[in-house]
Amino acid sequence: MEIVTAVAYPEVHAAYLRDHPLERAHEANSNLYGEESLERADRIPGGWRRIRLSRADVLGVVLPWHLSEGGELELVPRSGLTVAEAAERVRAGGAAWTAANPVCAAKLQLLRWAPFTPVYLSTAPIGHPDYGDLKVRSGLIHLDGLHRMLAWELAGRLPERALLDGYLAGDPRVAAVPARQGRAGENPA
């Protein structure tokens, strides 16, 4: 992860709304929830930073519980998964996972070739039930961009070098320290 500069929350909020209008008409528009996540993350001590991420950084981002847009199979359990683990879950599930989760699968398909837009992360879980049971409590934790990060990985598009823009809430030194050994869904050794 490369830190570009410190930024104030109004800049983060404006960047989010530019790419994710709250009134956008599409199935399962979750932009309002994304905005609420940013507001919660603004309470994490340490302020905001504009960052650049590599593929390795993105693959290590911890995702909170995700029920696959109301599908039959959860994409991420309550204990959390990294982007790498969730992508493997989609790959392994194949057509059966896609059929069981049509809205989530459609989002992943739509976003595979979408332009890169900033992702939003924090260094600690936010105060929301979807984050309450995360095993990993520090590092790079998702706020907004779950479907985009997964879609870009599934399409093989994530840049190896730190080129993907993002915003990070919290102390960036926390994100630089490995949060655990093993996988997000496992207890640390």
N, C-alpha and C. Protein backbone atom coordinates (compact mmCIF):
# COMPACT_ATOMS: atom_id res chain seq x y z
N MET A 1 0.85 -1.18 0.00
CA MET A 1 0.00 0.00 0.00
C MET A 1 0.89 1.23 0.00
N GLU A 2 0.54 2.15 -0.84
CA GLU A 2 1.26 3.42 -0.92
C GLU A 2 0.33 4.52 -0.41
N ILE A 3 0.82 5.31 0.54
CA ILE A 3 0.05 6.45 1.03
C ILE A 3 0.36 7.65 0.14
N VAL A 4 -0.67 8.26 -0.43
CA VAL A 4 -0.50 9.41 -1.32
C VAL A 4 -0.49 10.69 -0.51
N THR A 5 -1.54 10.89 0.29
CA THR A 5 -1.64 12.12 1.08
C THR A 5 -2.76 12.00 2.11
N ALA A 6 -2.69 12.79 3.14
CA ALA A 6 -3.80 12.90 4.09
C ALA A 6 -4.90 13.73 3.43
N VAL A 7 -6.14 13.39 3.73
CA VAL A 7 -7.29 14.13 3.18
C VAL A 7 -8.32 14.32 4.28
N ALA A 8 -9.17 15.30 4.11
CA ALA A 8 -10.27 15.55 5.03
C ALA A 8 -11.50 14.75 4.59
N TYR A 9 -12.35 14.43 5.55
CA TYR A 9 -13.54 13.64 5.25
C TYR A 9 -14.41 14.25 4.14
N PRO A 10 -14.62 15.56 4.08
CA PRO A 10 -15.45 16.08 2.99
C PRO A 10 -14.93 15.70 1.59
N GLU A 11 -13.61 15.61 1.41
CA GLU A 11 -13.07 15.18 0.13
C GLU A 11 -13.41 13.72 -0.15
N VAL A 12 -13.32 12.88 0.88
CA VAL A 12 -13.65 11.46 0.75
C VAL A 12 -15.12 11.31 0.37
N HIS A 13 -15.96 12.02 1.09
CA HIS A 13 -17.41 11.95 0.86
C HIS A 13 -17.76 12.41 -0.56
N ALA A 14 -17.17 13.51 -0.99
CA ALA A 14 -17.44 14.02 -2.34
C ALA A 14 -16.97 13.03 -3.41
N ALA A 15 -15.81 12.42 -3.21
CA ALA A 15 -15.31 11.43 -4.17
C ALA A 15 -16.26 10.24 -4.24
N TYR A 16 -16.75 9.81 -3.10
CA TYR A 16 -17.68 8.68 -3.06
C TYR A 16 -18.96 9.00 -3.85
N LEU A 17 -19.54 10.15 -3.57
CA LEU A 17 -20.80 10.51 -4.23
C LEU A 17 -20.63 10.74 -5.73
N ARG A 18 -19.45 11.16 -6.16
CA ARG A 18 -19.18 11.32 -7.60
C ARG A 18 -19.31 9.99 -8.33
N ASP A 19 -18.77 8.93 -7.74
CA ASP A 19 -18.79 7.62 -8.37
C ASP A 19 -20.01 6.78 -8.00
N HIS A 20 -20.65 7.11 -6.87
CA HIS A 20 -21.73 6.27 -6.34
C HIS A 20 -22.93 7.12 -5.94
N PRO A 21 -23.64 7.69 -6.91
CA PRO A 21 -24.79 8.53 -6.55
C PRO A 21 -25.84 7.72 -5.77
N LEU A 22 -26.38 8.35 -4.77
CA LEU A 22 -27.35 7.66 -3.93
C LEU A 22 -28.63 7.32 -4.68
N GLU A 23 -28.96 8.12 -5.68
CA GLU A 23 -30.22 7.91 -6.40
C GLU A 23 -30.07 7.05 -7.65
N ARG A 24 -28.88 6.47 -7.88
CA ARG A 24 -28.66 5.64 -9.08
C ARG A 24 -29.68 4.51 -9.11
N ALA A 25 -30.33 4.37 -10.25
CA ALA A 25 -31.37 3.35 -10.40
C ALA A 25 -30.75 2.07 -10.96
N HIS A 26 -30.50 1.13 -10.08
CA HIS A 26 -30.12 -0.21 -10.51
C HIS A 26 -30.49 -1.18 -9.40
N GLU A 27 -30.63 -2.45 -9.79
CA GLU A 27 -31.05 -3.45 -8.83
C GLU A 27 -30.04 -3.53 -7.68
N ALA A 28 -30.56 -3.56 -6.47
CA ALA A 28 -29.75 -3.68 -5.26
C ALA A 28 -28.74 -2.54 -5.11
N ASN A 29 -29.17 -1.31 -5.38
CA ASN A 29 -28.31 -0.15 -5.16
C ASN A 29 -27.99 -0.06 -3.67
N SER A 30 -26.72 -0.21 -3.33
CA SER A 30 -26.31 -0.17 -1.92
C SER A 30 -25.49 1.07 -1.61
N ASN A 31 -25.57 2.09 -2.46
CA ASN A 31 -24.75 3.29 -2.27
C ASN A 31 -25.07 4.01 -0.97
N LEU A 32 -26.32 4.00 -0.53
CA LEU A 32 -26.68 4.62 0.74
C LEU A 32 -25.95 3.93 1.89
N TYR A 33 -25.86 2.61 1.84
CA TYR A 33 -25.15 1.86 2.88
C TYR A 33 -23.66 2.16 2.84
N GLY A 34 -23.11 2.32 1.65
CA GLY A 34 -21.71 2.70 1.51
C GLY A 34 -21.44 4.05 2.15
N GLU A 35 -22.33 5.00 1.90
CA GLU A 35 -22.18 6.33 2.49
C GLU A 35 -22.24 6.24 4.02
N GLU A 36 -23.16 5.44 4.54
CA GLU A 36 -23.26 5.27 6.00
C GLU A 36 -21.99 4.63 6.56
N SER A 37 -21.39 3.70 5.82
CA SER A 37 -20.14 3.08 6.27
C SER A 37 -19.02 4.11 6.35
N LEU A 38 -18.96 5.01 5.38
CA LEU A 38 -17.94 6.06 5.43
C LEU A 38 -18.14 6.96 6.64
N GLU A 39 -19.39 7.30 6.93
CA GLU A 39 -19.67 8.14 8.09
C GLU A 39 -19.25 7.45 9.38
N ARG A 40 -19.49 6.14 9.48
CA ARG A 40 -19.06 5.40 10.67
C ARG A 40 -17.53 5.35 10.75
N ALA A 41 -16.89 5.15 9.61
CA ALA A 41 -15.42 5.06 9.58
C ALA A 41 -14.76 6.39 9.95
N ASP A 42 -15.46 7.48 9.72
CA ASP A 42 -14.89 8.79 10.05
C ASP A 42 -14.66 8.92 11.56
N ARG A 43 -15.27 8.04 12.36
CA ARG A 43 -15.09 8.06 13.81
C ARG A 43 -13.84 7.30 14.25
N ILE A 44 -13.21 6.56 13.35
CA ILE A 44 -12.00 5.80 13.69
C ILE A 44 -10.85 6.79 13.85
N PRO A 45 -10.13 6.74 14.95
CA PRO A 45 -9.01 7.67 15.15
C PRO A 45 -7.93 7.51 14.07
N GLY A 46 -7.40 8.63 13.64
CA GLY A 46 -6.30 8.60 12.67
C GLY A 46 -6.56 9.37 11.40
N GLY A 47 -7.80 9.76 11.14
CA GLY A 47 -8.10 10.53 9.94
C GLY A 47 -8.16 9.67 8.69
N TRP A 48 -8.14 10.34 7.55
CA TRP A 48 -8.27 9.70 6.24
C TRP A 48 -7.00 9.90 5.42
N ARG A 49 -6.71 8.94 4.57
CA ARG A 49 -5.60 9.02 3.63
C ARG A 49 -6.07 8.58 2.26
N ARG A 50 -5.56 9.24 1.25
CA ARG A 50 -5.72 8.73 -0.12
C ARG A 50 -4.57 7.75 -0.31
N ILE A 51 -4.87 6.58 -0.85
CA ILE A 51 -3.88 5.52 -0.97
C ILE A 51 -3.89 4.93 -2.38
N ARG A 52 -2.88 4.14 -2.66
CA ARG A 52 -2.85 3.33 -3.88
C ARG A 52 -2.55 1.90 -3.46
N LEU A 53 -3.26 0.98 -4.10
CA LEU A 53 -3.18 -0.43 -3.73
C LEU A 53 -2.70 -1.29 -4.89
N SER A 54 -1.98 -2.32 -4.57
CA SER A 54 -1.59 -3.34 -5.54
C SER A 54 -2.57 -4.52 -5.43
N ARG A 55 -2.41 -5.47 -6.31
CA ARG A 55 -3.23 -6.68 -6.26
C ARG A 55 -3.04 -7.37 -4.92
N ALA A 56 -1.81 -7.50 -4.46
CA ALA A 56 -1.55 -8.17 -3.17
C ALA A 56 -2.28 -7.45 -2.03
N ASP A 57 -2.28 -6.13 -2.05
CA ASP A 57 -3.00 -5.37 -1.02
C ASP A 57 -4.49 -5.70 -1.07
N VAL A 58 -5.07 -5.65 -2.26
CA VAL A 58 -6.51 -5.89 -2.42
C VAL A 58 -6.87 -7.31 -1.99
N LEU A 59 -6.07 -8.28 -2.38
CA LEU A 59 -6.38 -9.67 -2.02
C LEU A 59 -6.38 -9.88 -0.51
N GLY A 60 -5.66 -9.05 0.24
CA GLY A 60 -5.63 -9.16 1.69
C GLY A 60 -6.69 -8.36 2.41
N VAL A 61 -7.50 -7.59 1.69
CA VAL A 61 -8.57 -6.80 2.32
C VAL A 61 -9.58 -7.76 2.95
N VAL A 62 -9.95 -7.49 4.20
CA VAL A 62 -10.92 -8.31 4.92
C VAL A 62 -12.33 -7.80 4.63
N LEU A 63 -13.18 -8.71 4.22
CA LEU A 63 -14.57 -8.39 3.90
C LEU A 63 -15.47 -8.80 5.06
N PRO A 64 -16.50 -7.98 5.36
CA PRO A 64 -17.46 -8.35 6.40
C PRO A 64 -18.53 -9.29 5.83
N TRP A 65 -19.40 -9.72 6.70
CA TRP A 65 -20.50 -10.62 6.32
C TRP A 65 -21.22 -10.09 5.09
N HIS A 66 -21.49 -10.99 4.14
CA HIS A 66 -22.22 -10.61 2.93
C HIS A 66 -23.08 -11.78 2.50
N LEU A 67 -24.38 -11.55 2.46
CA LEU A 67 -25.34 -12.61 2.16
C LEU A 67 -25.63 -12.73 0.67
N SER A 68 -24.78 -12.20 -0.17
CA SER A 68 -24.94 -12.35 -1.62
C SER A 68 -26.22 -11.71 -2.13
N GLU A 69 -26.49 -10.49 -1.68
CA GLU A 69 -27.64 -9.72 -2.17
C GLU A 69 -28.94 -10.53 -2.06
N GLY A 70 -29.13 -11.20 -0.94
CA GLY A 70 -30.35 -11.97 -0.72
C GLY A 70 -30.34 -13.33 -1.38
N GLY A 71 -29.21 -13.78 -1.84
CA GLY A 71 -29.10 -15.09 -2.47
C GLY A 71 -29.23 -16.22 -1.47
N GLU A 72 -29.06 -17.42 -1.96
CA GLU A 72 -29.21 -18.61 -1.12
C GLU A 72 -27.94 -18.97 -0.38
N LEU A 73 -26.78 -18.58 -0.90
CA LEU A 73 -25.50 -18.93 -0.29
C LEU A 73 -24.75 -17.65 0.08
N GLU A 74 -24.36 -17.54 1.35
CA GLU A 74 -23.61 -16.34 1.73
C GLU A 74 -22.26 -16.35 1.03
N LEU A 75 -21.83 -15.17 0.63
CA LEU A 75 -20.52 -15.04 0.00
C LEU A 75 -19.44 -14.97 1.08
N VAL A 76 -19.72 -14.22 2.15
CA VAL A 76 -18.75 -14.04 3.23
C VAL A 76 -19.45 -14.39 4.55
N PRO A 77 -18.88 -15.33 5.32
CA PRO A 77 -19.48 -15.64 6.62
C PRO A 77 -19.27 -14.49 7.61
N ARG A 78 -19.96 -14.55 8.71
CA ARG A 78 -19.88 -13.48 9.72
C ARG A 78 -18.46 -13.29 10.25
N SER A 79 -17.63 -14.33 10.20
CA SER A 79 -16.25 -14.23 10.69
C SER A 79 -15.34 -13.49 9.72
N GLY A 80 -15.82 -13.27 8.48
CA GLY A 80 -15.07 -12.53 7.47
C GLY A 80 -14.22 -13.42 6.59
N LEU A 81 -13.88 -12.90 5.44
CA LEU A 81 -12.96 -13.53 4.49
C LEU A 81 -12.14 -12.43 3.83
N THR A 82 -10.99 -12.77 3.32
CA THR A 82 -10.26 -11.81 2.51
C THR A 82 -10.85 -11.81 1.11
N VAL A 83 -10.49 -10.81 0.33
CA VAL A 83 -10.92 -10.78 -1.07
C VAL A 83 -10.45 -12.04 -1.78
N ALA A 84 -9.22 -12.48 -1.52
CA ALA A 84 -8.70 -13.70 -2.15
C ALA A 84 -9.56 -14.91 -1.82
N GLU A 85 -9.94 -15.04 -0.55
CA GLU A 85 -10.77 -16.18 -0.13
C GLU A 85 -12.17 -16.12 -0.73
N ALA A 86 -12.76 -14.93 -0.79
CA ALA A 86 -14.09 -14.79 -1.38
C ALA A 86 -14.05 -15.08 -2.87
N ALA A 87 -13.01 -14.63 -3.57
CA ALA A 87 -12.88 -14.91 -5.00
C ALA A 87 -12.77 -16.41 -5.23
N GLU A 88 -12.02 -17.09 -4.38
CA GLU A 88 -11.89 -18.55 -4.50
C GLU A 88 -13.24 -19.22 -4.26
N ARG A 89 -14.01 -18.68 -3.34
CA ARG A 89 -15.34 -19.24 -3.06
C ARG A 89 -16.24 -19.12 -4.30
N VAL A 90 -16.18 -17.98 -4.98
CA VAL A 90 -16.97 -17.80 -6.21
C VAL A 90 -16.48 -18.76 -7.29
N ARG A 91 -15.16 -18.83 -7.47
CA ARG A 91 -14.60 -19.73 -8.49
C ARG A 91 -15.00 -21.18 -8.22
N ALA A 92 -14.85 -21.61 -6.98
CA ALA A 92 -15.14 -23.00 -6.62
C ALA A 92 -16.62 -23.32 -6.75
N GLY A 93 -17.47 -22.32 -6.47
CA GLY A 93 -18.91 -22.54 -6.54
C GLY A 93 -19.43 -22.64 -7.96
N GLY A 94 -18.73 -22.03 -8.91
CA GLY A 94 -19.08 -22.11 -10.32
C GLY A 94 -20.52 -21.76 -10.62
N ALA A 95 -21.10 -22.52 -11.53
CA ALA A 95 -22.47 -22.25 -11.99
C ALA A 95 -23.49 -22.41 -10.87
N ALA A 96 -23.25 -23.32 -9.94
CA ALA A 96 -24.19 -23.51 -8.83
C ALA A 96 -24.24 -22.27 -7.95
N TRP A 97 -23.07 -21.67 -7.66
CA TRP A 97 -23.06 -20.45 -6.86
C TRP A 97 -23.77 -19.32 -7.60
N THR A 98 -23.50 -19.20 -8.89
CA THR A 98 -24.12 -18.15 -9.71
C THR A 98 -25.64 -18.30 -9.71
N ALA A 99 -26.13 -19.53 -9.89
CA ALA A 99 -27.58 -19.76 -9.92
C ALA A 99 -28.23 -19.47 -8.57
N ALA A 100 -27.52 -19.75 -7.48
CA ALA A 100 -28.07 -19.53 -6.15
C ALA A 100 -28.04 -18.06 -5.73
N ASN A 101 -27.22 -17.26 -6.42
CA ASN A 101 -27.02 -15.86 -6.04
C ASN A 101 -27.10 -14.95 -7.27
N PRO A 102 -28.25 -14.89 -7.93
CA PRO A 102 -28.32 -14.18 -9.22
C PRO A 102 -28.01 -12.70 -9.16
N VAL A 103 -28.42 -11.99 -8.12
CA VAL A 103 -28.18 -10.54 -8.06
C VAL A 103 -26.69 -10.27 -7.83
N CYS A 104 -26.09 -10.97 -6.88
CA CYS A 104 -24.67 -10.80 -6.60
C CYS A 104 -23.85 -11.20 -7.83
N ALA A 105 -24.19 -12.31 -8.45
CA ALA A 105 -23.47 -12.77 -9.64
C ALA A 105 -23.58 -11.76 -10.77
N ALA A 106 -24.75 -11.16 -10.93
CA ALA A 106 -24.93 -10.15 -11.98
C ALA A 106 -24.06 -8.92 -11.71
N LYS A 107 -23.95 -8.52 -10.45
CA LYS A 107 -23.09 -7.39 -10.11
C LYS A 107 -21.63 -7.71 -10.45
N LEU A 108 -21.20 -8.92 -10.10
CA LEU A 108 -19.82 -9.31 -10.39
C LEU A 108 -19.56 -9.32 -11.89
N GLN A 109 -20.52 -9.81 -12.65
CA GLN A 109 -20.37 -9.85 -14.11
C GLN A 109 -20.34 -8.44 -14.69
N LEU A 110 -21.22 -7.57 -14.24
CA LEU A 110 -21.29 -6.20 -14.73
C LEU A 110 -20.00 -5.43 -14.45
N LEU A 111 -19.41 -5.66 -13.28
CA LEU A 111 -18.26 -4.86 -12.85
C LEU A 111 -16.92 -5.40 -13.32
N ARG A 112 -16.88 -6.58 -13.92
CA ARG A 112 -15.60 -7.17 -14.37
C ARG A 112 -14.80 -6.19 -15.23
N TRP A 113 -15.44 -5.50 -16.12
CA TRP A 113 -14.74 -4.62 -17.07
C TRP A 113 -15.05 -3.15 -16.82
N ALA A 114 -15.64 -2.86 -15.65
CA ALA A 114 -15.91 -1.47 -15.28
C ALA A 114 -14.59 -0.75 -15.03
N PRO A 115 -14.56 0.54 -15.28
CA PRO A 115 -13.33 1.31 -14.99
C PRO A 115 -12.97 1.21 -13.51
N PHE A 116 -11.69 1.27 -13.24
CA PHE A 116 -11.25 1.30 -11.84
C PHE A 116 -11.72 2.59 -11.20
N THR A 117 -12.36 2.46 -10.06
CA THR A 117 -12.77 3.59 -9.24
C THR A 117 -12.25 3.33 -7.83
N PRO A 118 -12.07 4.37 -7.03
CA PRO A 118 -11.50 4.18 -5.70
C PRO A 118 -12.32 3.21 -4.84
N VAL A 119 -11.60 2.44 -4.03
CA VAL A 119 -12.23 1.60 -3.02
C VAL A 119 -12.04 2.28 -1.67
N TYR A 120 -12.86 1.93 -0.71
CA TYR A 120 -12.87 2.59 0.59
C TYR A 120 -12.63 1.55 1.68
N LEU A 121 -11.62 1.81 2.48
CA LEU A 121 -11.18 0.86 3.49
C LEU A 121 -10.98 1.56 4.83
N SER A 122 -10.88 0.76 5.89
CA SER A 122 -10.54 1.28 7.21
C SER A 122 -9.51 0.35 7.84
N THR A 123 -8.93 0.81 8.93
CA THR A 123 -7.94 -0.01 9.63
C THR A 123 -8.56 -0.78 10.79
N ALA A 124 -9.86 -0.61 11.00
CA ALA A 124 -10.58 -1.31 12.07
C ALA A 124 -12.02 -1.49 11.62
N PRO A 125 -12.72 -2.49 12.18
CA PRO A 125 -14.13 -2.65 11.84
C PRO A 125 -14.95 -1.45 12.29
N ILE A 126 -15.98 -1.13 11.53
CA ILE A 126 -16.88 -0.04 11.92
C ILE A 126 -17.97 -0.59 12.83
N GLY A 127 -18.69 0.31 13.48
CA GLY A 127 -19.78 -0.07 14.37
C GLY A 127 -21.04 -0.41 13.59
N HIS A 128 -21.09 -1.63 13.09
CA HIS A 128 -22.25 -2.12 12.33
C HIS A 128 -22.32 -3.63 12.55
N PRO A 129 -23.53 -4.19 12.64
CA PRO A 129 -23.65 -5.64 12.89
C PRO A 129 -22.89 -6.52 11.89
N ASP A 130 -22.77 -6.11 10.64
CA ASP A 130 -22.07 -6.93 9.65
C ASP A 130 -20.58 -7.09 9.98
N TYR A 131 -20.04 -6.22 10.83
CA TYR A 131 -18.63 -6.24 11.20
C TYR A 131 -18.41 -6.81 12.60
N GLY A 132 -19.47 -7.05 13.34
CA GLY A 132 -19.38 -7.42 14.75
C GLY A 132 -18.63 -8.70 15.04
N ASP A 133 -18.71 -9.69 14.15
CA ASP A 133 -18.09 -10.99 14.40
C ASP A 133 -16.82 -11.22 13.60
N LEU A 134 -16.27 -10.15 13.00
CA LEU A 134 -15.03 -10.33 12.24
C LEU A 134 -13.92 -10.84 13.15
N LYS A 135 -13.22 -11.87 12.71
CA LYS A 135 -12.09 -12.41 13.48
C LYS A 135 -10.91 -11.44 13.43
N VAL A 136 -10.70 -10.81 12.27
CA VAL A 136 -9.61 -9.86 12.11
C VAL A 136 -10.11 -8.49 12.56
N ARG A 137 -9.41 -7.86 13.48
CA ARG A 137 -9.87 -6.60 14.06
C ARG A 137 -9.01 -5.41 13.64
N SER A 138 -7.98 -5.64 12.82
CA SER A 138 -7.17 -4.54 12.31
C SER A 138 -6.52 -4.97 11.01
N GLY A 139 -6.09 -3.98 10.24
CA GLY A 139 -5.50 -4.24 8.92
C GLY A 139 -6.25 -3.42 7.89
N LEU A 140 -6.40 -3.97 6.70
CA LEU A 140 -7.21 -3.33 5.66
C LEU A 140 -8.58 -3.99 5.67
N ILE A 141 -9.59 -3.21 6.06
CA ILE A 141 -10.95 -3.74 6.20
C ILE A 141 -11.88 -2.97 5.28
N HIS A 142 -12.69 -3.70 4.56
CA HIS A 142 -13.61 -3.16 3.55
C HIS A 142 -14.65 -2.21 4.15
N LEU A 143 -14.86 -1.11 3.46
CA LEU A 143 -16.00 -0.22 3.72
C LEU A 143 -16.93 -0.20 2.51
N ASP A 144 -16.34 -0.05 1.31
CA ASP A 144 -17.12 -0.02 0.07
C ASP A 144 -16.22 -0.49 -1.07
N GLY A 145 -16.78 -1.34 -1.93
CA GLY A 145 -16.04 -1.83 -3.08
C GLY A 145 -15.95 -3.35 -3.14
N LEU A 146 -16.71 -4.06 -2.33
CA LEU A 146 -16.65 -5.51 -2.29
C LEU A 146 -16.84 -6.12 -3.68
N HIS A 147 -17.93 -5.79 -4.35
CA HIS A 147 -18.19 -6.38 -5.67
C HIS A 147 -17.15 -5.96 -6.70
N ARG A 148 -16.70 -4.70 -6.64
CA ARG A 148 -15.69 -4.26 -7.60
C ARG A 148 -14.38 -5.00 -7.40
N MET A 149 -13.90 -5.08 -6.16
CA MET A 149 -12.64 -5.78 -5.91
C MET A 149 -12.72 -7.24 -6.35
N LEU A 150 -13.82 -7.90 -6.02
CA LEU A 150 -13.98 -9.30 -6.42
C LEU A 150 -14.06 -9.44 -7.94
N ALA A 151 -14.85 -8.59 -8.57
CA ALA A 151 -15.00 -8.67 -10.03
C ALA A 151 -13.68 -8.45 -10.74
N TRP A 152 -12.91 -7.47 -10.29
CA TRP A 152 -11.63 -7.18 -10.94
C TRP A 152 -10.65 -8.33 -10.74
N GLU A 153 -10.68 -8.97 -9.56
CA GLU A 153 -9.82 -10.14 -9.34
C GLU A 153 -10.27 -11.31 -10.21
N LEU A 154 -11.57 -11.57 -10.26
CA LEU A 154 -12.08 -12.67 -11.07
C LEU A 154 -11.77 -12.48 -12.55
N ALA A 155 -11.69 -11.23 -12.99
CA ALA A 155 -11.37 -10.93 -14.40
C ALA A 155 -9.86 -10.86 -14.63
N GLY A 156 -9.07 -11.00 -13.57
CA GLY A 156 -7.62 -10.91 -13.71
C GLY A 156 -7.10 -9.52 -14.00
N ARG A 157 -7.81 -8.50 -13.52
CA ARG A 157 -7.47 -7.12 -13.86
C ARG A 157 -6.75 -6.35 -12.76
N LEU A 158 -6.68 -6.87 -11.56
CA LEU A 158 -6.05 -6.10 -10.49
C LEU A 158 -4.58 -5.86 -10.82
N PRO A 159 -4.11 -4.62 -10.64
CA PRO A 159 -2.71 -4.30 -10.99
C PRO A 159 -1.73 -4.88 -9.98
N GLU A 160 -0.64 -5.44 -10.48
CA GLU A 160 0.39 -5.98 -9.59
C GLU A 160 1.05 -4.88 -8.77
N ARG A 161 1.27 -3.71 -9.38
CA ARG A 161 1.86 -2.57 -8.67
C ARG A 161 0.77 -1.74 -8.02
N ALA A 162 1.16 -0.86 -7.11
CA ALA A 162 0.21 -0.02 -6.38
C ALA A 162 -0.34 1.07 -7.30
N LEU A 163 -1.39 0.73 -8.03
CA LEU A 163 -2.00 1.67 -8.98
C LEU A 163 -3.48 1.91 -8.74
N LEU A 164 -4.14 1.07 -7.94
CA LEU A 164 -5.57 1.21 -7.70
C LEU A 164 -5.80 2.22 -6.59
N ASP A 165 -6.56 3.27 -6.89
CA ASP A 165 -6.82 4.33 -5.91
C ASP A 165 -7.80 3.87 -4.84
N GLY A 166 -7.63 4.45 -3.67
CA GLY A 166 -8.53 4.17 -2.57
C GLY A 166 -8.42 5.23 -1.51
N TYR A 167 -9.27 5.10 -0.51
CA TYR A 167 -9.26 5.96 0.67
C TYR A 167 -9.25 5.06 1.89
N LEU A 168 -8.46 5.44 2.88
CA LEU A 168 -8.29 4.65 4.09
C LEU A 168 -8.59 5.49 5.31
N ALA A 169 -9.49 5.00 6.17
CA ALA A 169 -9.80 5.64 7.45
C ALA A 169 -9.02 4.95 8.54
N GLY A 170 -8.40 5.75 9.41
CA GLY A 170 -7.68 5.19 10.55
C GLY A 170 -6.18 5.39 10.42
N ASP A 171 -5.47 4.83 11.37
CA ASP A 171 -4.02 4.96 11.43
C ASP A 171 -3.38 4.03 10.40
N PRO A 172 -2.71 4.55 9.38
CA PRO A 172 -2.15 3.69 8.34
C PRO A 172 -1.06 2.75 8.85
N ARG A 173 -0.46 3.05 10.00
CA ARG A 173 0.54 2.14 10.56
C ARG A 173 -0.10 0.82 10.96
N VAL A 174 -1.37 0.84 11.34
CA VAL A 174 -2.09 -0.39 11.70
C VAL A 174 -2.25 -1.27 10.47
N ALA A 175 -2.51 -0.67 9.33
CA ALA A 175 -2.70 -1.44 8.10
C ALA A 175 -1.40 -2.05 7.61
N ALA A 176 -0.28 -1.47 7.98
CA ALA A 176 1.01 -1.96 7.52
C ALA A 176 1.49 -3.18 8.30
N VAL A 177 0.90 -3.42 9.48
CA VAL A 177 1.30 -4.55 10.32
C VAL A 177 0.39 -5.72 10.00
N PRO A 178 0.95 -6.90 9.70
CA PRO A 178 0.09 -8.07 9.45
C PRO A 178 -0.83 -8.30 10.65
N ALA A 179 -2.13 -8.40 10.38
CA ALA A 179 -3.11 -8.49 11.44
C ALA A 179 -3.22 -9.89 12.03
N ARG A 180 -2.80 -10.92 11.28
CA ARG A 180 -2.97 -12.28 11.76
C ARG A 180 -2.14 -13.23 10.93
N GLN A 181 -2.01 -14.41 11.43
CA GLN A 181 -1.47 -15.51 10.64
C GLN A 181 -2.66 -16.30 10.13
N GLY A 182 -2.53 -16.92 8.99
CA GLY A 182 -3.62 -17.74 8.48
C GLY A 182 -4.67 -16.92 7.79
N ARG A 183 -5.84 -17.47 7.69
CA ARG A 183 -6.93 -16.89 6.92
C ARG A 183 -7.85 -16.07 7.81
N ALA A 184 -8.61 -15.18 7.17
CA ALA A 184 -9.52 -14.31 7.93
C ALA A 184 -10.55 -15.10 8.71
N GLY A 185 -11.00 -16.22 8.19
CA GLY A 185 -12.02 -17.02 8.83
C GLY A 185 -11.49 -17.93 9.92
N GLU A 186 -10.19 -17.91 10.19
CA GLU A 186 -9.59 -18.78 11.19
C GLU A 186 -9.19 -17.97 12.42
N ASN A 187 -9.08 -18.64 13.55
CA ASN A 187 -8.55 -17.98 14.73
C ASN A 187 -7.04 -17.84 14.57
N PRO A 188 -6.46 -16.71 14.98
CA PRO A 188 -5.01 -16.54 14.89
C PRO A 188 -4.30 -17.58 15.75
N ALA A 189 -3.12 -17.97 15.30
CA ALA A 189 -2.33 -18.99 16.03
C ALA A 189 -1.69 -18.37 17.26
